[in-house]
C-alpha atoms as a PDB file:
ATOM      1  CA  MET A   1       4.738 -18.392 -21.209  1.00  0.00           C
ATOM      2  CA  PRO A   2       3.187 -19.214 -17.816  1.00  0.00           C
ATOM      3  CA  ALA A   3       5.197 -19.342 -14.593  1.00  0.00           C
ATOM      4  CA  THR A   4       4.702 -21.052 -11.244  1.00  0.00           C
ATOM      5  CA  ARG A   5       2.415 -19.518  -8.645  1.00  0.00           C
ATOM      6  CA  HIS A   6       3.081 -20.150  -4.948  1.00  0.00           C
ATOM      7  CA  LEU A   7      -0.122 -19.456  -3.049  1.00  0.00           C
ATOM      8  CA  TYR A   8      -0.003 -18.897   0.719  1.00  0.00           C
ATOM      9  CA  LEU A   9      -3.434 -19.133   2.305  1.00  0.00           C
ATOM     10  CA  ALA A  10      -4.001 -18.102   5.894  1.00  0.00           C
ATOM     11  CA  ARG A  11      -7.091 -18.022   8.021  1.00  0.00           C
ATOM     12  CA  HIS A  12      -7.403 -14.732   9.899  1.00  0.00           C
ATOM     13  CA  ALA A  13      -5.859 -14.435  13.365  1.00  0.00           C
ATOM     14  CA  GLU A  14      -7.869 -15.008  16.545  1.00  0.00           C
ATOM     15  CA  ALA A  15     -10.741 -12.527  16.878  1.00  0.00           C
ATOM     16  CA  GLU A  16     -13.417 -11.581  19.389  1.00  0.00           C
ATOM     17  CA  HIS A  17     -16.751 -13.262  18.688  1.00  0.00           C
ATOM     18  CA  GLU A  18     -18.755 -10.124  19.470  1.00  0.00           C
ATOM     19  CA  ASN A  19     -17.197  -7.605  17.110  1.00  0.00           C
ATOM     20  CA  GLY A  20     -14.647  -9.432  14.954  1.00  0.00           C
ATOM     21  CA  SER A  21     -11.696  -7.387  16.239  1.00  0.00           C
ATOM     22  CA  LEU A  22      -8.475  -9.252  16.826  1.00  0.00           C
ATOM     23  CA  THR A  23      -7.633 -10.311  20.352  1.00  0.00           C
ATOM     24  CA  GLU A  24      -4.224  -9.593  21.858  1.00  0.00           C
ATOM     25  CA  LYS A  25      -3.231 -13.142  20.926  1.00  0.00           C
ATOM     26  CA  GLY A  26      -4.578 -12.525  17.424  1.00  0.00           C
ATOM     27  CA  ARG A  27      -2.429  -9.422  16.994  1.00  0.00           C
ATOM     28  CA  HIS A  28       0.671 -11.452  17.897  1.00  0.00           C
ATOM     29  CA  GLN A  29      -0.422 -14.208  15.492  1.00  0.00           C
ATOM     30  CA  ALA A  30      -0.859 -11.705  12.656  1.00  0.00           C
ATOM     31  CA  ALA A  31       2.616 -10.233  13.179  1.00  0.00           C
ATOM     32  CA  ALA A  32       4.157 -13.718  13.296  1.00  0.00           C
ATOM     33  CA  LEU A  33       2.303 -14.622  10.089  1.00  0.00           C
ATOM     34  CA  GLY A  34       3.703 -11.520   8.397  1.00  0.00           C
ATOM     35  CA  ARG A  35       7.268 -12.451   9.379  1.00  0.00           C
ATOM     36  CA  ARG A  36       6.734 -15.965   8.019  1.00  0.00           C
ATOM     37  CA  LEU A  37       5.379 -14.622   4.740  1.00  0.00           C
ATOM     38  CA  ARG A  38       8.326 -12.224   4.443  1.00  0.00           C
ATOM     39  CA  HIS A  39      10.776 -15.125   4.823  1.00  0.00           C
ATOM     40  CA  ALA A  40       8.835 -17.020   2.130  1.00  0.00           C
ATOM     41  CA  GLY A  41       9.331 -14.163  -0.331  1.00  0.00           C
ATOM     42  CA  VAL A  42       5.660 -13.172  -0.590  1.00  0.00           C
ATOM     43  CA  ASP A  43       5.251  -9.910  -2.477  1.00  0.00           C
ATOM     44  CA  ARG A  44       1.453  -9.701  -2.881  1.00  0.00           C
ATOM     45  CA  LEU A  45      -1.073  -9.763  -0.064  1.00  0.00           C
ATOM     46  CA  HIS A  46      -4.841 -10.014  -0.524  1.00  0.00           C
ATOM     47  CA  HIS A  47      -7.470 -10.133   2.208  1.00  0.00           C
ATOM     48  CA  GLY A  48     -11.190 -10.415   2.726  1.00  0.00           C
ATOM     49  CA  PRO A  49     -13.503  -7.515   3.603  1.00  0.00           C
ATOM     50  CA  LEU A  50     -14.365  -8.409   7.219  1.00  0.00           C
ATOM     51  CA  ALA A  51     -12.650  -6.738  10.186  1.00  0.00           C
ATOM     52  CA  ARG A  52     -10.757  -9.849  11.288  1.00  0.00           C
ATOM     53  CA  THR A  53      -9.148 -10.402   7.874  1.00  0.00           C
ATOM     54  CA  THR A  54      -8.479  -6.687   7.354  1.00  0.00           C
ATOM     55  CA  GLN A  55      -6.774  -6.339  10.739  1.00  0.00           C
ATOM     56  CA  THR A  56      -4.763  -9.528  10.225  1.00  0.00           C
ATOM     57  CA  ALA A  57      -3.634  -8.292   6.812  1.00  0.00           C
ATOM     58  CA  ARG A  58      -2.612  -4.858   8.085  1.00  0.00           C
ATOM     59  CA  LEU A  59      -0.502  -6.320  10.888  1.00  0.00           C
ATOM     60  CA  ALA A  60       1.023  -8.942   8.602  1.00  0.00           C
ATOM     61  CA  ALA A  61       1.732  -6.294   5.947  1.00  0.00           C
ATOM     62  CA  ARG A  62       3.796  -4.257   8.427  1.00  0.00           C
ATOM     63  CA  GLU A  63       6.119  -7.217   8.831  1.00  0.00           C
ATOM     64  CA  LEU A  64       5.972  -8.154   5.171  1.00  0.00           C
ATOM     65  CA  GLY A  65       6.487  -4.710   3.690  1.00  0.00           C
ATOM     66  CA  ALA A  66       3.612  -5.127   1.236  1.00  0.00           C
ATOM     67  CA  THR A  67       0.402  -3.206   0.673  1.00  0.00           C
ATOM     68  CA  PRO A  68      -2.652  -5.343   1.488  1.00  0.00           C
ATOM     69  CA  VAL A  69      -5.390  -5.407  -1.156  1.00  0.00           C
ATOM     70  CA  ARG A  70      -8.980  -6.046  -0.110  1.00  0.00           C
ATOM     71  CA  VAL A  71     -10.898  -8.406  -2.423  1.00  0.00           C
ATOM     72  CA  PRO A  72     -14.423  -9.808  -2.027  1.00  0.00           C
ATOM     73  CA  GLU A  73     -13.297 -13.250  -3.247  1.00  0.00           C
ATOM     74  CA  ALA A  74     -11.388 -13.665   0.048  1.00  0.00           C
ATOM     75  CA  GLY A  75     -14.566 -13.172   2.101  1.00  0.00           C
ATOM     76  CA  ASP A  76     -16.419 -15.464   4.486  1.00  0.00           C
ATOM     77  CA  TYR A  77     -18.882 -17.602   2.536  1.00  0.00           C
ATOM     78  CA  ALA A  78     -19.925 -21.166   1.763  1.00  0.00           C
ATOM     79  CA  PRO A  79     -18.021 -21.987  -1.444  1.00  0.00           C
ATOM     80  CA  HIS A  80     -20.138 -25.003  -2.402  1.00  0.00           C
ATOM     81  CA  LEU A  81     -23.688 -25.940  -1.410  1.00  0.00           C
ATOM     82  CA  PRO A  82     -23.773 -29.723  -1.439  1.00  0.00           C
ATOM     83  CA  LEU A  83     -26.790 -31.778  -2.410  1.00  0.00           C
ATOM     84  CA  ARG A  84     -27.770 -34.920  -0.494  1.00  0.00           C
ATOM     85  CA  ALA A  85     -27.044 -37.085  -3.560  1.00  0.00           C
ATOM     86  CA  GLU A  86     -23.331 -36.169  -3.538  1.00  0.00           C
ATOM     87  CA  LEU A  87     -22.833 -36.929   0.149  1.00  0.00           C
ATOM     88  CA  PRO A  88     -22.030 -40.242   1.809  1.00  0.00           C
ATOM     89  CA  GLN A  89     -25.202 -41.365   3.579  1.00  0.00           C
ATOM     90  CA  GLU A  90     -23.518 -41.477   6.988  1.00  0.00           C
ATOM     91  CA  HIS A  91     -22.481 -37.794   6.744  1.00  0.00           C
ATOM     92  CA  ALA A  92     -25.362 -36.308   4.786  1.00  0.00           C
ATOM     93  CA  ASP A  93     -27.503 -35.073   7.684  1.00  0.00           C
ATOM     94  CA  GLY A  94     -24.554 -33.495   9.489  1.00  0.00           C
ATOM     95  CA  VAL A  95     -23.131 -31.742   6.430  1.00  0.00           C
ATOM     96  CA  LEU A  96     -26.520 -30.509   5.207  1.00  0.00           C
ATOM     97  CA  GLY A  97     -27.423 -29.336   8.721  1.00  0.00           C
ATOM     98  CA  PHE A  98     -24.162 -27.428   9.006  1.00  0.00           C
ATOM     99  CA  VAL A  99     -24.557 -25.712   5.636  1.00  0.00           C
ATOM    100  CA  ALA A 100     -28.215 -24.867   6.369  1.00  0.00           C
ATOM    101  CA  SER A 101     -27.141 -23.250   9.655  1.00  0.00           C
ATOM    102  CA  LEU A 102     -24.949 -20.718   7.856  1.00  0.00           C
ATOM    103  CA  PRO A 103     -26.463 -17.271   7.386  1.00  0.00           C
ATOM    104  CA  GLU A 104     -28.078 -16.639   4.033  1.00  0.00           C
ATOM    105  CA  HIS A 105     -25.548 -13.897   3.209  1.00  0.00           C
ATOM    106  CA  GLU A 106     -22.786 -16.556   3.421  1.00  0.00           C
ATOM    107  CA  ARG A 107     -24.667 -19.227   1.480  1.00  0.00           C
ATOM    108  CA  LEU A 108     -26.296 -17.498  -1.467  1.00  0.00           C
ATOM    109  CA  PRO A 109     -23.351 -15.601  -3.023  1.00  0.00           C
ATOM    110  CA  GLY A 110     -20.832 -18.275  -1.975  1.00  0.00           C
ATOM    111  CA  PRO A 111     -20.562 -20.475  -5.079  1.00  0.00           C
ATOM    112  CA  ALA A 112     -20.142 -17.480  -7.430  1.00  0.00           C
ATOM    113  CA  LEU A 113     -17.486 -15.927  -5.168  1.00  0.00           C
ATOM    114  CA  ALA A 114     -15.706 -19.290  -4.947  1.00  0.00           C
ATOM    115  CA  ARG A 115     -15.534 -19.561  -8.738  1.00  0.00           C
ATOM    116  CA  ARG A 116     -14.066 -16.066  -8.910  1.00  0.00           C
ATOM    117  CA  ALA A 117     -11.564 -16.924  -6.150  1.00  0.00           C
ATOM    118  CA  LEU A 118     -10.352 -19.938  -8.114  1.00  0.00           C
ATOM    119  CA  GLU A 119      -9.954 -17.799 -11.240  1.00  0.00           C
ATOM    120  CA  ARG A 120      -8.096 -15.085  -9.340  1.00  0.00           C
ATOM    121  CA  PHE A 121      -5.828 -17.087  -7.031  1.00  0.00           C
ATOM    122  CA  THR A 122      -5.149 -20.510  -8.527  1.00  0.00           C
ATOM    123  CA  GLY A 123      -3.222 -21.898 -11.472  1.00  0.00           C
ATOM    124  CA  PRO A 124       0.045 -20.787 -13.046  1.00  0.00           C
ATOM    125  CA  VAL A 125       0.554 -17.058 -13.695  1.00  0.00           C
ATOM    126  CA  GLU A 126       1.278 -15.231 -16.914  1.00  0.00           C
ATOM    127  CA  GLY A 127       4.819 -14.005 -17.347  1.00  0.00           C
ATOM    128  CA  GLU A 128       8.354 -15.229 -16.919  1.00  0.00           C
ATOM    129  CA  HIS A 129       8.660 -14.895 -13.147  1.00  0.00           C
ATOM    130  CA  GLU A 130       7.314 -17.074 -10.366  1.00  0.00           C
ATOM    131  CA  ARG A 131       4.793 -15.357  -8.109  1.00  0.00           C
ATOM    132  CA  HIS A 132       4.545 -15.668  -4.335  1.00  0.00           C
ATOM    133  CA  GLU A 133       1.231 -14.299  -3.114  1.00  0.00           C
ATOM    134  CA  ALA A 134      -0.767 -14.583   0.078  1.00  0.00           C
ATOM    135  CA  VAL A 135      -4.488 -14.487   0.785  1.00  0.00           C
ATOM    136  CA  ILE A 136      -5.745 -13.852   4.301  1.00  0.00           C
ATOM    137  CA  THR A 137      -9.229 -15.243   4.374  1.00  0.00           C
ATOM    138  CA  HIS A 138     -11.482 -17.617   6.314  1.00  0.00           C
ATOM    139  CA  ALA A 139     -11.506 -21.337   7.003  1.00  0.00           C
ATOM    140  CA  TYR A 140     -14.107 -22.159   4.347  1.00  0.00           C
ATOM    141  CA  LEU A 141     -12.138 -20.715   1.435  1.00  0.00           C
ATOM    142  CA  VAL A 142      -8.900 -22.341   2.595  1.00  0.00           C
ATOM    143  CA  GLY A 143     -10.707 -25.694   2.744  1.00  0.00           C
ATOM    144  CA  TRP A 144     -12.311 -25.140  -0.649  1.00  0.00           C
ATOM    145  CA  ILE A 145      -9.073 -24.300  -2.460  1.00  0.00           C
ATOM    146  CA  VAL A 146      -7.347 -27.317  -0.889  1.00  0.00           C
ATOM    147  CA  CYS A 147     -10.205 -29.605  -1.968  1.00  0.00           C
ATOM    148  CA  VAL A 148     -10.050 -28.315  -5.536  1.00  0.00           C
ATOM    149  CA  ALA A 149      -6.249 -28.698  -5.615  1.00  0.00           C
ATOM    150  CA  LEU A 150      -6.557 -32.320  -4.494  1.00  0.00           C
ATOM    151  CA  ASP A 151      -9.569 -33.117  -6.704  1.00  0.00           C
ATOM    152  CA  ALA A 152     -11.428 -34.038  -3.512  1.00  0.00           C
ATOM    153  CA  PRO A 153     -15.234 -34.174  -3.458  1.00  0.00           C
ATOM    154  CA  ALA A 154     -16.606 -30.625  -3.402  1.00  0.00           C
ATOM    155  CA  TRP A 155     -18.453 -31.078  -0.082  1.00  0.00           C
ATOM    156  CA  ARG A 156     -15.205 -31.860   1.778  1.00  0.00           C
ATOM    157  CA  TRP A 157     -14.552 -28.138   2.352  1.00  0.00           C
ATOM    158  CA  THR A 158     -16.880 -28.594   5.335  1.00  0.00           C
ATOM    159  CA  THR A 159     -14.423 -31.007   6.997  1.00  0.00           C
ATOM    160  CA  LEU A 160     -11.216 -28.968   6.861  1.00  0.00           C
ATOM    161  CA  ALA A 161     -10.604 -26.653   9.802  1.00  0.00           C
ATOM    162  CA  PRO A 162      -7.488 -24.477   9.564  1.00  0.00           C
ATOM    163  CA  ALA A 163      -6.356 -22.840  12.794  1.00  0.00           C
ATOM    164  CA  ASN A 164      -6.192 -19.088  13.263  1.00  0.00           C
ATOM    165  CA  ALA A 165      -3.186 -17.632  11.385  1.00  0.00           C
ATOM    166  CA  ALA A 166      -2.237 -21.125  10.169  1.00  0.00           C
ATOM    167  CA  LEU A 167      -0.512 -21.282   6.810  1.00  0.00           C
ATOM    168  CA  THR A 168      -1.488 -23.466   3.864  1.00  0.00           C
ATOM    169  CA  VAL A 169       0.852 -23.438   0.872  1.00  0.00           C
ATOM    170  CA  LEU A 170       0.017 -24.564  -2.659  1.00  0.00           C
ATOM    171  CA  ARG A 171       2.110 -24.605  -5.813  1.00  0.00           C
ATOM    172  CA  TYR A 172       0.699 -24.281  -9.319  1.00  0.00           C
ATOM    173  CA  SER A 173       3.374 -25.155 -11.879  1.00  0.00           C
ATOM    174  CA  PRO A 174       2.736 -25.027 -15.630  1.00  0.00           C
ATOM    175  CA  GLY A 175       1.784 -28.414 -17.053  1.00  0.00           C
ATOM    176  CA  ARG A 176       1.501 -30.102 -13.650  1.00  0.00           C
ATOM    177  CA  PRO A 177      -1.319 -30.723 -11.182  1.00  0.00           C
ATOM    178  CA  ALA A 178      -1.568 -28.455  -8.167  1.00  0.00           C
ATOM    179  CA  SER A 179       0.570 -29.413  -5.178  1.00  0.00           C
ATOM    180  CA  VAL A 180      -0.394 -28.916  -1.551  1.00  0.00           C
ATOM    181  CA  LEU A 181       2.955 -28.260   0.137  1.00  0.00           C
ATOM    182  CA  ALA A 182       1.610 -27.513   3.619  1.00  0.00           C
ATOM    183  CA  PHE A 183      -1.759 -27.474   5.346  1.00  0.00           C
ATOM    184  CA  ASN A 184      -2.568 -25.819   8.666  1.00  0.00           C
ATOM    185  CA  ASP A 185       1.095 -25.073   9.460  1.00  0.00           C
ATOM    186  CA  THR A 186       1.373 -23.192  12.766  1.00  0.00           C
ATOM    187  CA  ALA A 187       5.153 -23.444  13.291  1.00  0.00           C
ATOM    188  CA  HIS A 188       5.519 -19.639  13.050  1.00  0.00           C
ATOM    189  CA  LEU A 189       3.128 -19.161  15.963  1.00  0.00           C
ATOM    190  CA  GLY A 190       5.659 -20.787  18.322  1.00  0.00           C
END
């Protein structure tokens, strides 16, 4: 029998543009995120492979008391490559220009990784017990999962911009549509 999944998505904490390492502010954000996740009862923590997500996860895990698990599905990539025909005319050039500006290594594997992320992180879970799990990732994946949960047009991931270390919370209950409980919540960052 399936049980409810509570999914806590967080964009990585603030990082340096040059090398991807967390800034001093980012380190404080990551610790605050970990405390917030602990209070939420999170017992599983996944993160993407880049330095900024790995460092955020390690600092959050210290506060959370969980072992972070690195997964490629939580990486930095374009989850959907929109076609002009699916876009509103007034936004088509801007959206297509933005997606085209992304590096090839973020565009080409993106849709396949996004499908795997949905399979891995969304929907009810098997078993009798509710699950509370967190994924520390990047803005694009947070936006993508929110769009899918809301049945929004696939290209809308390009318009959602979660803040560093902001928390987005979704609930997947058996027999019910996904619920977005919070988006871009920064209350823990004080």
